[in-house]
Each structure stands twice: as C-alpha cells, then as structure tokens.
Amino acid sequence: MTKAPDNSVVVESPKVEHKGTQFTIGIRRRIPSKTIASAIPKFLKQTEKYLSMKGIPVSGAPFFRFHSINMGIEYDLEVGFLCKSVMESDGEFVANTLPDGNYATLKYAGKNRGYQGNKALIEWARSNQHEMDRWDTDFGDTFACRYEVYVTDIETEPDHKKWVKAVSYTHLRAHETVLD
C-alpha cells in the first residue's frame, strides 16, 4: 500500500480500464452536501429493506454515484446496489445502469476518505493528460458517470478503516491503452 495525499491509503494505483454495463437499483436525490455522511447509509438501508420486502436478494455491492456536485452546497446523488440483471423502477427506487465504457479507476481504503481518494484520482488523471467525461452546469460539475463501489463486504468487515472502495470516472479518450 502507498500513502496518497492527505493520509488516504491508495490500495491500487490509478489506471484506465474498460467496464461493461452494470445494472443498479437505488434512490436518487438532490441532497445538501453536509448531509452526505448520513444519506449514504440511510439510502442503502432503505434500498436493502425494499429489496427484502420484494423478495429480491441483494446480489451486488453497494455503490453511490454522483450525477452532479456543487461542492459545499448540493449533490445529485444516487445510492443503492449493483444488480446481476435489469431491475424495474418502483416509486422512489430507480433502476439505472453504469454505462459500458473506459473508466479512470483507483481503489482506496478508510472511512471518510472519499475526498482524498477522488482527489488522488483527479490529480493522477490531470498529470497524465486523461480527460474525464464531465461538464459544467447550473448544478455544478456534472458527470457522464462518476461512482464509488464498495470492494469490501461491509456486512462482514466491522472496521471502517479497512473498507476499500473503488472510485471510477468515465474517460473520454477511448484510444488510450486500456488495462484488462
């Protein structure tokens, strides 16, 4: 393991990799940025309860996706679970996909280290002339696909400091070398 800026532990160096389409189910909302620490576990519990009531076993890792970020003000956030097959939207539970494509990806560990993990990936992308698929809107930075997924099974690992997450951003340069 190597230390990244601000004491985040990067457990896998940044890279560009191809990812296939991934199906998801979860809750998407605009939330004040100061509520993110409570919103993610709340939306995960609500989604897990919904799936349980429908008799659908959780078949994939928890994820959270930022559709847009207005830093310090508001996030357009989607939180839920990866799925093995297509789901149907139902009320507040939205079926979606993480699209097929090339992604800049980095794995990091530690509770409340998302900012540092994202910062390390962005700095790596900039220093290696990798362009992210993002644009400016009235809602702030808007992304084709920017998400984090838990690599660690958070149900069986109680130590938050050992939780590993992969942060991924869609990447515009399809001609770059892609790692399998």
C-alpha atoms as a PDB file:
ATOM      1  CA  MET A   1       0.000   0.000   0.000  1.00  0.00           C
ATOM      2  CA  THR A   2       1.126   3.507  -0.735  1.00  0.00           C
ATOM      3  CA  LYS A   3       0.051   6.648   1.026  1.00  0.00           C
ATOM      4  CA  ALA A   4      -1.835   9.174  -1.089  1.00  0.00           C
ATOM      5  CA  PRO A   5      -2.219  12.878  -0.292  1.00  0.00           C
ATOM      6  CA  ASP A   6      -3.922  13.790   2.987  1.00  0.00           C
ATOM      7  CA  ASN A   7      -3.398  10.359   4.593  1.00  0.00           C
ATOM      8  CA  SER A   8      -5.719   8.430   2.246  1.00  0.00           C
ATOM      9  CA  VAL A   9      -4.455   4.933   1.647  1.00  0.00           C
ATOM     10  CA  VAL A  10      -4.411   4.042  -2.036  1.00  0.00           C
ATOM     11  CA  VAL A  11      -4.544   0.259  -2.280  1.00  0.00           C
ATOM     12  CA  GLU A  12      -4.433   0.044  -6.072  1.00  0.00           C
ATOM     13  CA  SER A  13      -2.777   2.585  -8.332  1.00  0.00           C
ATOM     14  CA  PRO A  14      -4.926   4.568 -10.765  1.00  0.00           C
ATOM     15  CA  LYS A  15      -5.495   3.072 -14.195  1.00  0.00           C
ATOM     16  CA  VAL A  16      -7.800   3.261 -17.182  1.00  0.00           C
ATOM     17  CA  GLU A  17      -9.874   0.126 -17.638  1.00  0.00           C
ATOM     18  CA  HIS A  18     -12.863  -0.981 -19.667  1.00  0.00           C
ATOM     19  CA  LYS A  19     -16.024  -1.814 -17.735  1.00  0.00           C
ATOM     20  CA  GLY A  20     -19.159  -3.403 -19.115  1.00  0.00           C
ATOM     21  CA  THR A  21     -22.669  -2.175 -18.402  1.00  0.00           C
ATOM     22  CA  GLN A  22     -23.637  -2.669 -14.761  1.00  0.00           C
ATOM     23  CA  PHE A  23     -27.278  -2.668 -13.643  1.00  0.00           C
ATOM     24  CA  THR A  24     -28.265  -0.842 -10.446  1.00  0.00           C
ATOM     25  CA  ILE A  25     -31.220  -0.177  -8.147  1.00  0.00           C
ATOM     26  CA  GLY A  26     -31.298   2.635  -5.617  1.00  0.00           C
ATOM     27  CA  ILE A  27     -32.509   6.049  -4.547  1.00  0.00           C
ATOM     28  CA  ARG A  28     -31.566   9.228  -6.415  1.00  0.00           C
ATOM     29  CA  ARG A  29     -31.951  12.595  -4.727  1.00  0.00           C
ATOM     30  CA  ARG A  30     -30.526  16.089  -4.558  1.00  0.00           C
ATOM     31  CA  ILE A  31     -29.159  16.481  -1.052  1.00  0.00           C
ATOM     32  CA  PRO A  32     -27.309  19.230   0.826  1.00  0.00           C
ATOM     33  CA  SER A  33     -23.611  18.362   0.727  1.00  0.00           C
ATOM     34  CA  LYS A  34     -23.338  18.470   4.524  1.00  0.00           C
ATOM     35  CA  THR A  35     -25.768  15.515   4.791  1.00  0.00           C
ATOM     36  CA  ILE A  36     -23.847  13.030   2.635  1.00  0.00           C
ATOM     37  CA  ALA A  37     -22.379  11.092   5.582  1.00  0.00           C
ATOM     38  CA  SER A  38     -25.875  10.256   6.834  1.00  0.00           C
ATOM     39  CA  ALA A  39     -27.604   9.999   3.429  1.00  0.00           C
ATOM     40  CA  ILE A  40     -25.495   7.142   2.045  1.00  0.00           C
ATOM     41  CA  PRO A  41     -26.152   4.627   4.864  1.00  0.00           C
ATOM     42  CA  LYS A  42     -29.804   5.745   5.097  1.00  0.00           C
ATOM     43  CA  PHE A  43     -30.444   5.206   1.367  1.00  0.00           C
ATOM     44  CA  LEU A  44     -28.581   1.863   1.435  1.00  0.00           C
ATOM     45  CA  LYS A  45     -30.756   0.644   4.332  1.00  0.00           C
ATOM     46  CA  GLN A  46     -33.942   1.828   2.593  1.00  0.00           C
ATOM     47  CA  THR A  47     -32.959   0.091  -0.652  1.00  0.00           C
ATOM     48  CA  GLU A  48     -31.970  -3.101   1.144  1.00  0.00           C
ATOM     49  CA  LYS A  49     -35.315  -3.102   3.012  1.00  0.00           C
ATOM     50  CA  TYR A  50     -37.202  -2.536  -0.262  1.00  0.00           C
ATOM     51  CA  LEU A  51     -35.403  -5.438  -1.959  1.00  0.00           C
ATOM     52  CA  SER A  52     -36.069  -7.672   1.046  1.00  0.00           C
ATOM     53  CA  MET A  53     -39.789  -6.798   1.032  1.00  0.00           C
ATOM     54  CA  LYS A  54     -39.908  -7.690  -2.682  1.00  0.00           C
ATOM     55  CA  GLY A  55     -38.092 -10.983  -2.004  1.00  0.00           C
ATOM     56  CA  ILE A  56     -35.114  -9.904  -4.111  1.00  0.00           C
ATOM     57  CA  PRO A  57     -31.741 -10.845  -2.579  1.00  0.00           C
ATOM     58  CA  VAL A  58     -29.025  -8.197  -2.652  1.00  0.00           C
ATOM     59  CA  SER A  59     -26.775  -9.580  -5.368  1.00  0.00           C
ATOM     60  CA  GLY A  60     -24.150  -6.894  -5.731  1.00  0.00           C
ATOM     61  CA  ALA A  61     -22.006  -4.410  -3.890  1.00  0.00           C
ATOM     62  CA  PRO A  62     -23.274  -1.099  -2.511  1.00  0.00           C
ATOM     63  CA  PHE A  63     -22.462   1.919  -4.667  1.00  0.00           C
ATOM     64  CA  PHE A  64     -23.002   5.648  -4.757  1.00  0.00           C
ATOM     65  CA  ARG A  65     -22.983   7.751  -7.902  1.00  0.00           C
ATOM     66  CA  PHE A  66     -22.578  11.490  -8.223  1.00  0.00           C
ATOM     67  CA  HIS A  67     -24.593  12.833 -11.159  1.00  0.00           C
ATOM     68  CA  SER A  68     -23.560  16.374 -10.245  1.00  0.00           C
ATOM     69  CA  ILE A  69     -21.619  18.078  -7.487  1.00  0.00           C
ATOM     70  CA  ASN A  70     -21.933  21.687  -6.413  1.00  0.00           C
ATOM     71  CA  MET A  71     -19.136  21.483  -3.842  1.00  0.00           C
ATOM     72  CA  GLY A  72     -20.163  22.638  -0.396  1.00  0.00           C
ATOM     73  CA  ILE A  73     -23.773  23.165  -1.483  1.00  0.00           C
ATOM     74  CA  GLU A  74     -25.558  20.213  -3.070  1.00  0.00           C
ATOM     75  CA  TYR A  75     -25.078  16.758  -4.606  1.00  0.00           C
ATOM     76  CA  ASP A  76     -27.262  14.957  -7.125  1.00  0.00           C
ATOM     77  CA  LEU A  77     -26.637  11.550  -5.574  1.00  0.00           C
ATOM     78  CA  GLU A  78     -27.744   8.003  -6.376  1.00  0.00           C
ATOM     79  CA  VAL A  79     -27.196   5.307  -3.739  1.00  0.00           C
ATOM     80  CA  GLY A  80     -28.020   1.625  -3.966  1.00  0.00           C
ATOM     81  CA  PHE A  81     -26.760  -1.765  -5.063  1.00  0.00           C
ATOM     82  CA  LEU A  82     -25.245  -3.270  -8.183  1.00  0.00           C
ATOM     83  CA  CYS A  83     -27.543  -5.919  -9.700  1.00  0.00           C
ATOM     84  CA  LYS A  84     -26.941  -9.026 -11.798  1.00  0.00           C
ATOM     85  CA  SER A  85     -29.847  -8.229 -14.130  1.00  0.00           C
ATOM     86  CA  VAL A  86     -32.154  -5.417 -15.174  1.00  0.00           C
ATOM     87  CA  MET A  87     -34.475  -4.172 -12.429  1.00  0.00           C
ATOM     88  CA  GLU A  88     -37.622  -2.080 -12.790  1.00  0.00           C
ATOM     89  CA  SER A  89     -38.033   1.330 -11.170  1.00  0.00           C
ATOM     90  CA  ASP A  90     -40.671   1.399  -8.435  1.00  0.00           C
ATOM     91  CA  GLY A  91     -41.615   4.668  -6.746  1.00  0.00           C
ATOM     92  CA  GLU A  92     -38.527   6.222  -5.175  1.00  0.00           C
ATOM     93  CA  PHE A  93     -36.391   3.201  -6.179  1.00  0.00           C
ATOM     94  CA  VAL A  94     -34.746   3.894  -9.516  1.00  0.00           C
ATOM     95  CA  ALA A  95     -33.360   1.225 -11.829  1.00  0.00           C
ATOM     96  CA  ASN A  96     -30.365   2.509 -13.745  1.00  0.00           C
ATOM     97  CA  THR A  97     -27.079   1.467 -15.325  1.00  0.00           C
ATOM     98  CA  LEU A  98     -23.440   2.350 -15.003  1.00  0.00           C
ATOM     99  CA  PRO A  99     -22.670   2.521 -18.729  1.00  0.00           C
ATOM    100  CA  ASP A 100     -20.209   0.440 -20.702  1.00  0.00           C
ATOM    101  CA  GLY A 101     -17.001   2.343 -21.348  1.00  0.00           C
ATOM    102  CA  ASN A 102     -13.485   3.240 -20.352  1.00  0.00           C
ATOM    103  CA  TYR A 103     -13.053   4.441 -16.780  1.00  0.00           C
ATOM    104  CA  ALA A 104     -10.234   6.012 -14.813  1.00  0.00           C
ATOM    105  CA  THR A 105     -10.276   3.983 -11.577  1.00  0.00           C
ATOM    106  CA  LEU A 106      -8.483   3.987  -8.233  1.00  0.00           C
ATOM    107  CA  LYS A 107      -9.016   1.893  -5.088  1.00  0.00           C
ATOM    108  CA  TYR A 108      -8.594   3.484  -1.665  1.00  0.00           C
ATOM    109  CA  ALA A 109      -9.238   2.490   1.945  1.00  0.00           C
ATOM    110  CA  GLY A 110     -10.546   4.216   5.024  1.00  0.00           C
ATOM    111  CA  LYS A 111     -13.711   5.705   6.427  1.00  0.00           C
ATOM    112  CA  ASN A 112     -14.379   9.291   5.337  1.00  0.00           C
ATOM    113  CA  ARG A 113     -11.519   9.202   2.820  1.00  0.00           C
ATOM    114  CA  GLY A 114     -13.656   9.706  -0.296  1.00  0.00           C
ATOM    115  CA  TYR A 115     -12.484  13.258  -0.818  1.00  0.00           C
ATOM    116  CA  GLN A 116      -8.838  12.204  -0.677  1.00  0.00           C
ATOM    117  CA  GLY A 117      -9.418   9.154  -2.892  1.00  0.00           C
ATOM    118  CA  ASN A 118     -11.200  11.258  -5.513  1.00  0.00           C
ATOM    119  CA  LYS A 119      -8.543  13.959  -5.285  1.00  0.00           C
ATOM    120  CA  ALA A 120      -5.771  11.399  -5.883  1.00  0.00           C
ATOM    121  CA  LEU A 121      -7.573  10.065  -8.970  1.00  0.00           C
ATOM    122  CA  ILE A 122      -8.242  13.553 -10.374  1.00  0.00           C
ATOM    123  CA  GLU A 123      -4.621  14.612  -9.818  1.00  0.00           C
ATOM    124  CA  TRP A 124      -3.363  11.424 -11.489  1.00  0.00           C
ATOM    125  CA  ALA A 125      -5.711  11.968 -14.460  1.00  0.00           C
ATOM    126  CA  ARG A 126      -4.595  15.575 -14.910  1.00  0.00           C
ATOM    127  CA  SER A 127      -0.901  14.786 -14.620  1.00  0.00           C
ATOM    128  CA  ASN A 128      -1.269  12.035 -17.255  1.00  0.00           C
ATOM    129  CA  GLN A 129      -3.443  14.118 -19.617  1.00  0.00           C
ATOM    130  CA  HIS A 130      -6.534  11.952 -19.135  1.00  0.00           C
ATOM    131  CA  GLU A 131      -9.747  13.823 -19.797  1.00  0.00           C
ATOM    132  CA  MET A 132     -12.812  12.964 -17.716  1.00  0.00           C
ATOM    133  CA  ASP A 133     -16.311  12.948 -19.220  1.00  0.00           C
ATOM    134  CA  ARG A 134     -17.672  15.920 -17.259  1.00  0.00           C
ATOM    135  CA  TRP A 135     -19.080  19.372 -17.931  1.00  0.00           C
ATOM    136  CA  ASP A 136     -20.239  22.470 -16.062  1.00  0.00           C
ATOM    137  CA  THR A 137     -23.957  23.102 -15.491  1.00  0.00           C
ATOM    138  CA  ASP A 138     -26.080  25.251 -13.187  1.00  0.00           C
ATOM    139  CA  PHE A 139     -25.906  22.284 -10.775  1.00  0.00           C
ATOM    140  CA  GLY A 140     -22.078  22.351 -10.686  1.00  0.00           C
ATOM    141  CA  ASP A 141     -19.778  19.657 -12.065  1.00  0.00           C
ATOM    142  CA  THR A 142     -21.909  17.142 -13.956  1.00  0.00           C
ATOM    143  CA  PHE A 143     -20.654  13.693 -14.927  1.00  0.00           C
ATOM    144  CA  ALA A 144     -21.478  11.087 -17.548  1.00  0.00           C
ATOM    145  CA  CYS A 145     -20.669   8.549 -14.835  1.00  0.00           C
ATOM    146  CA  ARG A 146     -18.766   9.094 -11.585  1.00  0.00           C
ATOM    147  CA  TYR A 147     -19.298   6.490  -8.901  1.00  0.00           C
ATOM    148  CA  GLU A 148     -17.808   4.638  -5.973  1.00  0.00           C
ATOM    149  CA  VAL A 149     -18.416   1.000  -5.166  1.00  0.00           C
ATOM    150  CA  TYR A 150     -17.552  -0.899  -2.010  1.00  0.00           C
ATOM    151  CA  VAL A 151     -14.978  -3.596  -2.760  1.00  0.00           C
ATOM    152  CA  THR A 152     -15.032  -4.780   0.858  1.00  0.00           C
ATOM    153  CA  ASP A 153     -18.098  -6.631   2.131  1.00  0.00           C
ATOM    154  CA  ILE A 154     -19.209  -4.034   4.679  1.00  0.00           C
ATOM    155  CA  GLU A 155     -21.596  -6.527   6.277  1.00  0.00           C
ATOM    156  CA  THR A 156     -18.719  -8.802   7.361  1.00  0.00           C
ATOM    157  CA  GLU A 157     -15.927  -6.252   7.957  1.00  0.00           C
ATOM    158  CA  PRO A 158     -16.812  -4.099  11.006  1.00  0.00           C
ATOM    159  CA  ASP A 159     -13.660  -1.935  10.858  1.00  0.00           C
ATOM    160  CA  HIS A 160     -14.485   1.112   8.706  1.00  0.00           C
ATOM    161  CA  LYS A 161     -10.771   1.862   8.325  1.00  0.00           C
ATOM    162  CA  LYS A 162     -10.364  -1.382   6.371  1.00  0.00           C
ATOM    163  CA  TRP A 163     -13.201  -0.708   3.934  1.00  0.00           C
ATOM    164  CA  VAL A 164     -11.900  -0.491   0.378  1.00  0.00           C
ATOM    165  CA  LYS A 165     -13.804   1.478  -2.268  1.00  0.00           C
ATOM    166  CA  ALA A 166     -13.130   1.871  -5.971  1.00  0.00           C
ATOM    167  CA  VAL A 167     -13.796   5.324  -7.404  1.00  0.00           C
ATOM    168  CA  SER A 168     -14.360   5.481 -11.172  1.00  0.00           C
ATOM    169  CA  TYR A 169     -14.966   8.237 -13.716  1.00  0.00           C
ATOM    170  CA  THR A 170     -15.870   7.761 -17.359  1.00  0.00           C
ATOM    171  CA  HIS A 171     -12.960   8.630 -19.550  1.00  0.00           C
ATOM    172  CA  LEU A 172     -13.227  10.462 -22.890  1.00  0.00           C
ATOM    173  CA  ARG A 173     -10.156   9.106 -24.605  1.00  0.00           C
ATOM    174  CA  ALA A 174     -11.136   5.721 -25.966  1.00  0.00           C
ATOM    175  CA  HIS A 175      -7.843   5.422 -27.847  1.00  0.00           C
ATOM    176  CA  GLU A 176      -5.771   5.255 -24.644  1.00  0.00           C
ATOM    177  CA  THR A 177      -4.258   1.958 -23.529  1.00  0.00           C
ATOM    178  CA  VAL A 178      -6.839   0.042 -21.512  1.00  0.00           C
ATOM    179  CA  LEU A 179      -5.850  -2.466 -18.835  1.00  0.00           C
ATOM    180  CA  ASP A 180      -7.846  -5.680 -18.596  1.00  0.00           C
END
